[in-house]
Amino acid sequence: MLFSWKPAGDPDGDDVTYSVFISNDENFSNPVIENGIETSTLPLDIGTELQDGKTYYWKVEAVDTF
């Protein structure tokens, strides 16, 4: 499965990384996966990292370190 989102821009031109939160509950009280990544996509394997047939919620936060 490939998660993808529109890339964020930084007005100062600084690098932007992303944190991806995936949870089996909509409140994200117990995230299954949290990654700080440098691209606007995240491939995950069903069966290895996610369970087939289960509902997941996901959100992405852009992070500017400056």
C-alpha atoms as a PDB file:
ATOM      1  CA  MET A   1       0.000   0.000   0.000  1.00  0.00           C
ATOM      2  CA  LEU A   2       1.325   3.451  -0.860  1.00  0.00           C
ATOM      3  CA  PHE A   3       0.363   6.454   1.249  1.00  0.00           C
ATOM      4  CA  SER A   4       0.913   9.751  -0.554  1.00  0.00           C
ATOM      5  CA  TRP A   5       0.144  13.421   0.080  1.00  0.00           C
ATOM      6  CA  LYS A   6       0.743  16.815  -1.438  1.00  0.00           C
ATOM      7  CA  PRO A   7       4.244  18.056  -0.557  1.00  0.00           C
ATOM      8  CA  ALA A   8       4.463  20.983   1.852  1.00  0.00           C
ATOM      9  CA  GLY A   9       6.510  24.045   1.047  1.00  0.00           C
ATOM     10  CA  ASP A  10       8.470  26.267   3.361  1.00  0.00           C
ATOM     11  CA  PRO A  11       8.384  30.047   2.761  1.00  0.00           C
ATOM     12  CA  ASP A  12      12.064  30.318   3.776  1.00  0.00           C
ATOM     13  CA  GLY A  13      13.090  27.452   1.510  1.00  0.00           C
ATOM     14  CA  ASP A  14      14.096  25.253   4.451  1.00  0.00           C
ATOM     15  CA  ASP A  15      13.894  21.475   4.147  1.00  0.00           C
ATOM     16  CA  VAL A  16      10.594  19.942   5.229  1.00  0.00           C
ATOM     17  CA  THR A  17      10.250  16.433   6.614  1.00  0.00           C
ATOM     18  CA  TYR A  18       7.068  14.565   7.474  1.00  0.00           C
ATOM     19  CA  SER A  19       5.789  12.587  10.404  1.00  0.00           C
ATOM     20  CA  VAL A  20       3.181  10.005   9.450  1.00  0.00           C
ATOM     21  CA  PHE A  21       0.826   8.706  12.104  1.00  0.00           C
ATOM     22  CA  ILE A  22      -1.240   5.576  11.480  1.00  0.00           C
ATOM     23  CA  SER A  23      -3.623   4.264  14.084  1.00  0.00           C
ATOM     24  CA  ASN A  24      -6.488   1.831  14.411  1.00  0.00           C
ATOM     25  CA  ASP A  25      -8.500   4.440  16.319  1.00  0.00           C
ATOM     26  CA  GLU A  26      -9.508   7.880  15.052  1.00  0.00           C
ATOM     27  CA  ASN A  27      -8.130   9.653  18.142  1.00  0.00           C
ATOM     28  CA  PHE A  28      -4.586   8.406  17.435  1.00  0.00           C
ATOM     29  CA  SER A  29      -4.243   7.488  21.102  1.00  0.00           C
ATOM     30  CA  ASN A  30      -2.155   4.454  20.201  1.00  0.00           C
ATOM     31  CA  PRO A  31      -0.309   5.028  16.891  1.00  0.00           C
ATOM     32  CA  VAL A  32       0.737   1.902  15.074  1.00  0.00           C
ATOM     33  CA  ILE A  33       3.467   3.571  13.028  1.00  0.00           C
ATOM     34  CA  GLU A  34       5.151   6.952  13.318  1.00  0.00           C
ATOM     35  CA  ASN A  35       7.841   7.888  10.808  1.00  0.00           C
ATOM     36  CA  GLY A  36       9.869  11.026  10.184  1.00  0.00           C
ATOM     37  CA  ILE A  37      10.393  10.874   6.417  1.00  0.00           C
ATOM     38  CA  GLU A  38      11.797  13.148   3.708  1.00  0.00           C
ATOM     39  CA  THR A  39       9.472  12.322   0.788  1.00  0.00           C
ATOM     40  CA  SER A  40       5.725  12.757   0.254  1.00  0.00           C
ATOM     41  CA  THR A  41       5.091   9.017   0.023  1.00  0.00           C
ATOM     42  CA  LEU A  42       5.269   6.096   2.417  1.00  0.00           C
ATOM     43  CA  PRO A  43       5.017   2.482   1.193  1.00  0.00           C
ATOM     44  CA  LEU A  44       3.847  -0.081   3.750  1.00  0.00           C
ATOM     45  CA  ASP A  45       3.335  -3.825   3.438  1.00  0.00           C
ATOM     46  CA  ILE A  46      -0.066  -5.243   4.291  1.00  0.00           C
ATOM     47  CA  GLY A  47       0.468  -8.279   6.452  1.00  0.00           C
ATOM     48  CA  THR A  48       3.860  -7.122   7.695  1.00  0.00           C
ATOM     49  CA  GLU A  49       3.224  -3.575   8.924  1.00  0.00           C
ATOM     50  CA  LEU A  50      -0.568  -3.379   8.601  1.00  0.00           C
ATOM     51  CA  GLN A  51      -3.221  -6.038   9.097  1.00  0.00           C
ATOM     52  CA  ASP A  52      -5.389  -6.891   6.101  1.00  0.00           C
ATOM     53  CA  GLY A  53      -9.098  -6.129   6.543  1.00  0.00           C
ATOM     54  CA  LYS A  54      -8.576  -3.725   9.460  1.00  0.00           C
ATOM     55  CA  THR A  55      -9.580  -0.045   9.420  1.00  0.00           C
ATOM     56  CA  TYR A  56      -6.780   2.481   9.893  1.00  0.00           C
ATOM     57  CA  TYR A  57      -6.737   6.265  10.203  1.00  0.00           C
ATOM     58  CA  TRP A  58      -3.767   8.297   9.101  1.00  0.00           C
ATOM     59  CA  LYS A  59      -2.482  11.845   9.203  1.00  0.00           C
ATOM     60  CA  VAL A  60       0.651  13.623   8.090  1.00  0.00           C
ATOM     61  CA  GLU A  61       2.390  16.518   9.800  1.00  0.00           C
ATOM     62  CA  ALA A  62       4.984  18.631   7.977  1.00  0.00           C
ATOM     63  CA  VAL A  63       7.993  19.509  10.126  1.00  0.00           C
ATOM     64  CA  ASP A  64      10.343  22.440   9.525  1.00  0.00           C
ATOM     65  CA  THR A  65      13.326  22.134  11.841  1.00  0.00           C
ATOM     66  CA  PHE A  66      14.026  25.885  11.830  1.00  0.00           C
END
